[in-house]
């Protein structure tokens, strides 16, 4: 099935290394970052009504790109149409700080990736690692140009900021399309604590769609 359909479906269900900087959130404490748009720019996603901001205040390295026009269609959300790539350096990190992050609080962090043949290399297979601070988070394996990928972690802030790092493993240029930060009640996911984080394995719809909106966004 067309991956654009799955993007719309999942969105309806869900809705470097600089020091920590002041970064604003919306009324719910959400922080939604569109990686690759112009510094200082922002917008509201018309489908989810969620506000997105540029990633320029969170990182000092990388190069902005748009995905290839051949892969732009009505099914993609705005935050997937551009990205930031990191052709230089082994490790490039986003710093997400106050007031978005409070030490000792629990959060869901989500990272999005859509290659979209932004570099004109024809969608060759590539992979790179994603770290949360010094800790391994996940491996991003890109096998097609028109499929999007995402990964999530539920974690407790051990400091007043998070470092989301893309690590070049020699198998392709790291890139990222978006980062979402969502505060969670401390009582949720008790297995996640200051010494242990959780990584998404899968998610099943066992209820109404509205439950997903409350859960993920």
C-alpha atoms as a PDB file:
ATOM      1  CA  UNK A   1       0.000   0.000   0.000  1.00  0.00           C
ATOM      2  CA  UNK A   2       1.232   3.554  -0.790  1.00  0.00           C
ATOM      3  CA  UNK A   3       3.314   4.890   2.087  1.00  0.00           C
ATOM      4  CA  UNK A   4       1.572   8.265   1.706  1.00  0.00           C
ATOM      5  CA  UNK A   5      -1.635   6.589   2.858  1.00  0.00           C
ATOM      6  CA  UNK A   6       0.108   5.188   5.895  1.00  0.00           C
ATOM      7  CA  UNK A   7       1.489   8.608   6.776  1.00  0.00           C
ATOM      8  CA  UNK A   8      -1.993  10.144   6.706  1.00  0.00           C
ATOM      9  CA  UNK A   9      -3.412   7.175   8.622  1.00  0.00           C
ATOM     10  CA  UNK A  10      -0.780   7.265  11.366  1.00  0.00           C
ATOM     11  CA  UNK A  11      -0.948  11.019  11.707  1.00  0.00           C
ATOM     12  CA  UNK A  12      -4.698  10.887  12.134  1.00  0.00           C
ATOM     13  CA  UNK A  13      -4.197   8.231  14.790  1.00  0.00           C
ATOM     14  CA  UNK A  14      -1.388   9.916  16.537  1.00  0.00           C
ATOM     15  CA  UNK A  15      -1.233  13.312  15.947  1.00  0.00           C
ATOM     16  CA  UNK A  16      25.577  20.653  17.586  1.00  0.00           C
ATOM     17  CA  UNK A  17      26.129  20.078  20.642  1.00  0.00           C
ATOM     18  CA  UNK A  18      25.349  23.565  21.880  1.00  0.00           C
ATOM     19  CA  UNK A  19      24.426  24.289  25.475  1.00  0.00           C
ATOM     20  CA  UNK A  20      20.775  24.133  26.481  1.00  0.00           C
ATOM     21  CA  UNK A  21      18.871  27.143  25.138  1.00  0.00           C
ATOM     22  CA  UNK A  22      15.471  28.620  25.928  1.00  0.00           C
ATOM     23  CA  UNK A  23      12.957  26.931  23.624  1.00  0.00           C
ATOM     24  CA  UNK A  24       9.229  27.582  23.817  1.00  0.00           C
ATOM     25  CA  UNK A  25       6.417  25.037  23.881  1.00  0.00           C
ATOM     26  CA  UNK A  26       2.694  25.300  23.242  1.00  0.00           C
ATOM     27  CA  UNK A  27      -0.064  25.349  25.864  1.00  0.00           C
ATOM     28  CA  UNK A  28       0.130  21.560  26.316  1.00  0.00           C
ATOM     29  CA  UNK A  29       3.899  21.572  26.722  1.00  0.00           C
ATOM     30  CA  UNK A  30       4.366  20.102  23.230  1.00  0.00           C
ATOM     31  CA  UNK A  31       7.469  20.948  21.249  1.00  0.00           C
ATOM     32  CA  UNK A  32       7.339  20.051  17.530  1.00  0.00           C
ATOM     33  CA  UNK A  33      10.423  20.698  15.426  1.00  0.00           C
ATOM     34  CA  UNK A  34      10.479  20.733  11.627  1.00  0.00           C
ATOM     35  CA  UNK A  35      14.072  19.973  10.673  1.00  0.00           C
ATOM     36  CA  UNK A  36      15.190  21.849   7.587  1.00  0.00           C
ATOM     37  CA  UNK A  37      12.941  24.910   7.393  1.00  0.00           C
ATOM     38  CA  UNK A  38      14.309  28.458   7.460  1.00  0.00           C
ATOM     39  CA  UNK A  39      15.601  29.849  10.777  1.00  0.00           C
ATOM     40  CA  UNK A  40      12.919  31.718  12.693  1.00  0.00           C
ATOM     41  CA  UNK A  41      10.050  30.262  10.684  1.00  0.00           C
ATOM     42  CA  UNK A  42       7.054  28.404  12.079  1.00  0.00           C
ATOM     43  CA  UNK A  43       3.627  27.192  10.998  1.00  0.00           C
ATOM     44  CA  UNK A  44       0.544  25.261  12.131  1.00  0.00           C
ATOM     45  CA  UNK A  45      -0.082  21.865  10.545  1.00  0.00           C
ATOM     46  CA  UNK A  46      -3.578  22.178   9.007  1.00  0.00           C
ATOM     47  CA  UNK A  47      -4.456  18.536   9.723  1.00  0.00           C
ATOM     48  CA  UNK A  48      -3.358  18.240  13.349  1.00  0.00           C
ATOM     49  CA  UNK A  49      -3.454  21.931  14.372  1.00  0.00           C
ATOM     50  CA  UNK A  50      -0.026  21.422  15.954  1.00  0.00           C
ATOM     51  CA  UNK A  51       2.509  24.265  15.783  1.00  0.00           C
ATOM     52  CA  UNK A  52       5.933  23.516  14.283  1.00  0.00           C
ATOM     53  CA  UNK A  53       9.104  25.554  14.660  1.00  0.00           C
ATOM     54  CA  UNK A  54      12.417  25.623  12.822  1.00  0.00           C
ATOM     55  CA  UNK A  55      15.246  23.475  14.139  1.00  0.00           C
ATOM     56  CA  UNK A  56      17.769  26.309  13.757  1.00  0.00           C
ATOM     57  CA  UNK A  57      17.642  27.172  17.479  1.00  0.00           C
ATOM     58  CA  UNK A  58      18.497  23.600  18.451  1.00  0.00           C
ATOM     59  CA  UNK A  59      21.596  22.837  16.368  1.00  0.00           C
ATOM     60  CA  UNK A  60      24.481  24.661  14.692  1.00  0.00           C
ATOM     61  CA  UNK A  61      25.568  22.058  12.125  1.00  0.00           C
ATOM     62  CA  UNK A  62      24.052  20.364   9.092  1.00  0.00           C
ATOM     63  CA  UNK A  63      22.608  21.463   5.766  1.00  0.00           C
ATOM     64  CA  UNK A  64      18.932  22.091   4.945  1.00  0.00           C
ATOM     65  CA  UNK A  65      17.365  20.270   1.996  1.00  0.00           C
ATOM     66  CA  UNK A  66      13.966  19.771   0.382  1.00  0.00           C
ATOM     67  CA  UNK A  67      12.924  16.324  -0.771  1.00  0.00           C
ATOM     68  CA  UNK A  68      12.842  15.762  -4.520  1.00  0.00           C
ATOM     69  CA  UNK A  69       9.802  17.172  -6.327  1.00  0.00           C
ATOM     70  CA  UNK A  70       9.106  13.657  -7.623  1.00  0.00           C
ATOM     71  CA  UNK A  71       8.208  12.573  -4.080  1.00  0.00           C
ATOM     72  CA  UNK A  72       6.031  15.534  -3.081  1.00  0.00           C
ATOM     73  CA  UNK A  73       2.329  14.710  -2.959  1.00  0.00           C
ATOM     74  CA  UNK A  74      -0.835  15.599  -1.123  1.00  0.00           C
ATOM     75  CA  UNK A  75      -0.333  12.728   1.333  1.00  0.00           C
ATOM     76  CA  UNK A  76       2.802  14.057   3.036  1.00  0.00           C
ATOM     77  CA  UNK A  77       2.611  16.245   6.094  1.00  0.00           C
ATOM     78  CA  UNK A  78       4.528  19.551   5.818  1.00  0.00           C
ATOM     79  CA  UNK A  79       7.259  18.464   8.234  1.00  0.00           C
ATOM     80  CA  UNK A  80       8.280  15.620   5.923  1.00  0.00           C
ATOM     81  CA  UNK A  81       8.916  17.822   2.892  1.00  0.00           C
ATOM     82  CA  UNK A  82      12.277  19.064   4.140  1.00  0.00           C
ATOM     83  CA  UNK A  83      15.129  17.767   6.257  1.00  0.00           C
ATOM     84  CA  UNK A  84      18.544  18.528   7.704  1.00  0.00           C
ATOM     85  CA  UNK A  85      21.451  16.353   6.564  1.00  0.00           C
ATOM     86  CA  UNK A  86      24.843  15.944   8.214  1.00  0.00           C
ATOM     87  CA  UNK A  87      27.554  15.155   5.644  1.00  0.00           C
ATOM     88  CA  UNK A  88      30.309  16.394   7.968  1.00  0.00           C
ATOM     89  CA  UNK A  89      31.365  15.011  11.320  1.00  0.00           C
ATOM     90  CA  UNK A  90      30.700  11.672  12.956  1.00  0.00           C
ATOM     91  CA  UNK A  91      28.278  12.942  15.584  1.00  0.00           C
ATOM     92  CA  UNK A  92      25.851  15.861  15.272  1.00  0.00           C
ATOM     93  CA  UNK A  93      23.488  16.690  18.135  1.00  0.00           C
ATOM     94  CA  UNK A  94      20.315  18.659  18.731  1.00  0.00           C
ATOM     95  CA  UNK A  95      20.069  20.287  22.171  1.00  0.00           C
ATOM     96  CA  UNK A  96      16.513  20.606  23.492  1.00  0.00           C
ATOM     97  CA  UNK A  97      16.427  22.551  26.740  1.00  0.00           C
ATOM     98  CA  UNK A  98      14.344  24.744  29.052  1.00  0.00           C
ATOM     99  CA  UNK A  99      11.420  25.358  29.261  1.00  0.00           C
ATOM    100  CA  UNK A 100      10.630  22.355  27.065  1.00  0.00           C
ATOM    101  CA  UNK A 101      12.595  20.010  29.349  1.00  0.00           C
ATOM    102  CA  UNK A 102      12.546  19.828  33.155  1.00  0.00           C
ATOM    103  CA  UNK A 103      15.011  17.623  34.988  1.00  0.00           C
ATOM    104  CA  UNK A 104      13.308  14.591  36.550  1.00  0.00           C
ATOM    105  CA  UNK A 105      10.221  14.743  34.310  1.00  0.00           C
ATOM    106  CA  UNK A 106       9.121  12.030  31.880  1.00  0.00           C
ATOM    107  CA  UNK A 107       8.786  12.547  28.113  1.00  0.00           C
ATOM    108  CA  UNK A 108       8.047  10.863  24.838  1.00  0.00           C
ATOM    109  CA  UNK A 109      10.615  11.745  22.166  1.00  0.00           C
ATOM    110  CA  UNK A 110       9.840  10.926  18.541  1.00  0.00           C
ATOM    111  CA  UNK A 111      12.098  11.322  15.498  1.00  0.00           C
ATOM    112  CA  UNK A 112      10.884  11.299  11.862  1.00  0.00           C
ATOM    113  CA  UNK A 113      12.805  10.494   8.686  1.00  0.00           C
ATOM    114  CA  UNK A 114      11.867  10.763   4.984  1.00  0.00           C
ATOM    115  CA  UNK A 115      14.710  10.530   2.484  1.00  0.00           C
ATOM    116  CA  UNK A 116      12.760  11.591  -0.621  1.00  0.00           C
ATOM    117  CA  UNK A 117      15.931  11.450  -2.774  1.00  0.00           C
ATOM    118  CA  UNK A 118      16.919  14.896  -1.475  1.00  0.00           C
ATOM    119  CA  UNK A 119      20.502  14.392  -2.711  1.00  0.00           C
ATOM    120  CA  UNK A 120      19.619  13.055  -6.158  1.00  0.00           C
ATOM    121  CA  UNK A 121      21.413   9.746  -5.580  1.00  0.00           C
ATOM    122  CA  UNK A 122      18.379   7.653  -6.467  1.00  0.00           C
ATOM    123  CA  UNK A 123      17.349   6.400  -3.059  1.00  0.00           C
ATOM    124  CA  UNK A 124      20.285   4.159  -2.331  1.00  0.00           C
ATOM    125  CA  UNK A 125      20.120   2.065   0.849  1.00  0.00           C
ATOM    126  CA  UNK A 126      21.713   3.768   3.817  1.00  0.00           C
ATOM    127  CA  UNK A 127      21.707   3.587   7.611  1.00  0.00           C
ATOM    128  CA  UNK A 128      22.934   5.551  10.605  1.00  0.00           C
ATOM    129  CA  UNK A 129      22.512   5.523  14.376  1.00  0.00           C
ATOM    130  CA  UNK A 130      20.425   7.698  16.644  1.00  0.00           C
ATOM    131  CA  UNK A 131      21.623   8.387  20.189  1.00  0.00           C
ATOM    132  CA  UNK A 132      19.995  10.060  23.174  1.00  0.00           C
ATOM    133  CA  UNK A 133      22.973  11.731  24.793  1.00  0.00           C
ATOM    134  CA  UNK A 134      25.710   9.115  25.021  1.00  0.00           C
ATOM    135  CA  UNK A 135      23.222   6.239  24.931  1.00  0.00           C
ATOM    136  CA  UNK A 136      22.239   4.290  21.820  1.00  0.00           C
ATOM    137  CA  UNK A 137      18.586   4.881  20.875  1.00  0.00           C
ATOM    138  CA  UNK A 138      17.966   3.154  17.539  1.00  0.00           C
ATOM    139  CA  UNK A 139      19.301   2.351  14.078  1.00  0.00           C
ATOM    140  CA  UNK A 140      17.677   4.161  11.146  1.00  0.00           C
ATOM    141  CA  UNK A 141      17.638   1.941   8.055  1.00  0.00           C
ATOM    142  CA  UNK A 142      16.540   3.691   4.869  1.00  0.00           C
ATOM    143  CA  UNK A 143      15.682   1.273   2.074  1.00  0.00           C
ATOM    144  CA  UNK A 144      13.410   3.350  -0.194  1.00  0.00           C
ATOM    145  CA  UNK A 145      13.104   7.031  -1.081  1.00  0.00           C
ATOM    146  CA  UNK A 146       9.315   7.228  -0.675  1.00  0.00           C
ATOM    147  CA  UNK A 147       8.857   5.612   2.740  1.00  0.00           C
ATOM    148  CA  UNK A 148       8.969   7.477   6.023  1.00  0.00           C
ATOM    149  CA  UNK A 149      10.427   6.069   9.224  1.00  0.00           C
ATOM    150  CA  UNK A 150      10.006   7.019  12.832  1.00  0.00           C
ATOM    151  CA  UNK A 151      11.226   5.895  16.221  1.00  0.00           C
ATOM    152  CA  UNK A 152      10.164   6.778  19.749  1.00  0.00           C
ATOM    153  CA  UNK A 153      11.605   6.615  23.222  1.00  0.00           C
ATOM    154  CA  UNK A 154      10.007   7.217  26.603  1.00  0.00           C
ATOM    155  CA  UNK A 155      12.607   8.620  28.932  1.00  0.00           C
ATOM    156  CA  UNK A 156      13.168  10.655  32.086  1.00  0.00           C
ATOM    157  CA  UNK A 157      15.274  13.796  31.807  1.00  0.00           C
ATOM    158  CA  UNK A 158      18.383  13.316  33.934  1.00  0.00           C
ATOM    159  CA  UNK A 159      19.375  16.941  33.230  1.00  0.00           C
ATOM    160  CA  UNK A 160      17.594  20.088  32.092  1.00  0.00           C
ATOM    161  CA  UNK A 161      18.023  19.196  28.432  1.00  0.00           C
ATOM    162  CA  UNK A 162      18.063  16.342  25.926  1.00  0.00           C
ATOM    163  CA  UNK A 163      20.752  15.741  23.306  1.00  0.00           C
ATOM    164  CA  UNK A 164      19.387  13.969  20.224  1.00  0.00           C
ATOM    165  CA  UNK A 165      22.416  12.862  18.227  1.00  0.00           C
ATOM    166  CA  UNK A 166      22.774  11.476  14.708  1.00  0.00           C
ATOM    167  CA  UNK A 167      25.831   9.285  14.325  1.00  0.00           C
ATOM    168  CA  UNK A 168      27.505   8.480  11.019  1.00  0.00           C
ATOM    169  CA  UNK A 169      28.374   4.765  10.922  1.00  0.00           C
ATOM    170  CA  UNK A 170      29.989   4.880   7.465  1.00  0.00           C
ATOM    171  CA  UNK A 171      26.882   3.552   5.690  1.00  0.00           C
ATOM    172  CA  UNK A 172      25.214   6.774   4.557  1.00  0.00           C
ATOM    173  CA  UNK A 173      24.758  10.439   5.430  1.00  0.00           C
ATOM    174  CA  UNK A 174      22.591  10.937   8.545  1.00  0.00           C
ATOM    175  CA  UNK A 175      19.521  13.163   8.141  1.00  0.00           C
ATOM    176  CA  UNK A 176      16.335  13.938  10.065  1.00  0.00           C
ATOM    177  CA  UNK A 177      12.936  15.360   9.119  1.00  0.00           C
ATOM    178  CA  UNK A 178      11.382  16.176  12.483  1.00  0.00           C
ATOM    179  CA  UNK A 179      11.503  15.807  16.267  1.00  0.00           C
ATOM    180  CA  UNK A 180       8.508  15.737  18.622  1.00  0.00           C
ATOM    181  CA  UNK A 181       8.721  16.165  22.390  1.00  0.00           C
ATOM    182  CA  UNK A 182       5.664  15.301  24.493  1.00  0.00           C
ATOM    183  CA  UNK A 183       5.512  15.561  28.303  1.00  0.00           C
ATOM    184  CA  UNK A 184       4.072  12.533  30.117  1.00  0.00           C
ATOM    185  CA  UNK A 185       2.579  12.108  33.568  1.00  0.00           C
ATOM    186  CA  UNK A 186       5.097  10.551  35.943  1.00  0.00           C
ATOM    187  CA  UNK A 187       2.655   7.710  36.678  1.00  0.00           C
ATOM    188  CA  UNK A 188       2.679   6.530  33.048  1.00  0.00           C
ATOM    189  CA  UNK A 189       5.129   3.839  31.926  1.00  0.00           C
ATOM    190  CA  UNK A 190       6.627   3.099  35.369  1.00  0.00           C
ATOM    191  CA  UNK A 191       9.316   0.951  33.714  1.00  0.00           C
ATOM    192  CA  UNK A 192      10.881   4.151  32.396  1.00  0.00           C
ATOM    193  CA  UNK A 193      12.988   5.888  35.019  1.00  0.00           C
ATOM    194  CA  UNK A 194      16.244   7.829  35.339  1.00  0.00           C
ATOM    195  CA  UNK A 195      18.225   4.662  34.755  1.00  0.00           C
ATOM    196  CA  UNK A 196      16.154   3.096  31.967  1.00  0.00           C
ATOM    197  CA  UNK A 197      14.351   4.296  28.850  1.00  0.00           C
ATOM    198  CA  UNK A 198      11.799   2.507  26.666  1.00  0.00           C
ATOM    199  CA  UNK A 199      11.958   2.275  22.853  1.00  0.00           C
ATOM    200  CA  UNK A 200       8.873   1.733  20.696  1.00  0.00           C
ATOM    201  CA  UNK A 201       8.483  -1.823  19.408  1.00  0.00           C
ATOM    202  CA  UNK A 202       4.991  -1.598  17.951  1.00  0.00           C
ATOM    203  CA  UNK A 203       1.588  -0.038  18.569  1.00  0.00           C
ATOM    204  CA  UNK A 204      -1.853  -1.549  18.027  1.00  0.00           C
ATOM    205  CA  UNK A 205      -5.240   0.157  17.808  1.00  0.00           C
ATOM    206  CA  UNK A 206      -7.424  -1.570  20.397  1.00  0.00           C
ATOM    207  CA  UNK A 207      -9.936   1.237  20.761  1.00  0.00           C
ATOM    208  CA  UNK A 208     -11.333   4.297  19.082  1.00  0.00           C
ATOM    209  CA  UNK A 209      -9.235   6.614  16.972  1.00  0.00           C
ATOM    210  CA  UNK A 210      -9.725   9.409  19.505  1.00  0.00           C
ATOM    211  CA  UNK A 211      -7.798   7.328  22.028  1.00  0.00           C
ATOM    212  CA  UNK A 212      -4.778   7.501  19.767  1.00  0.00           C
ATOM    213  CA  UNK A 213      -4.991  11.258  19.540  1.00  0.00           C
ATOM    214  CA  UNK A 214      -4.853  11.481  23.321  1.00  0.00           C
ATOM    215  CA  UNK A 215      -2.100   8.865  23.623  1.00  0.00           C
ATOM    216  CA  UNK A 216       0.394  10.042  21.030  1.00  0.00           C
ATOM    217  CA  UNK A 217      -0.101  13.760  20.649  1.00  0.00           C
END
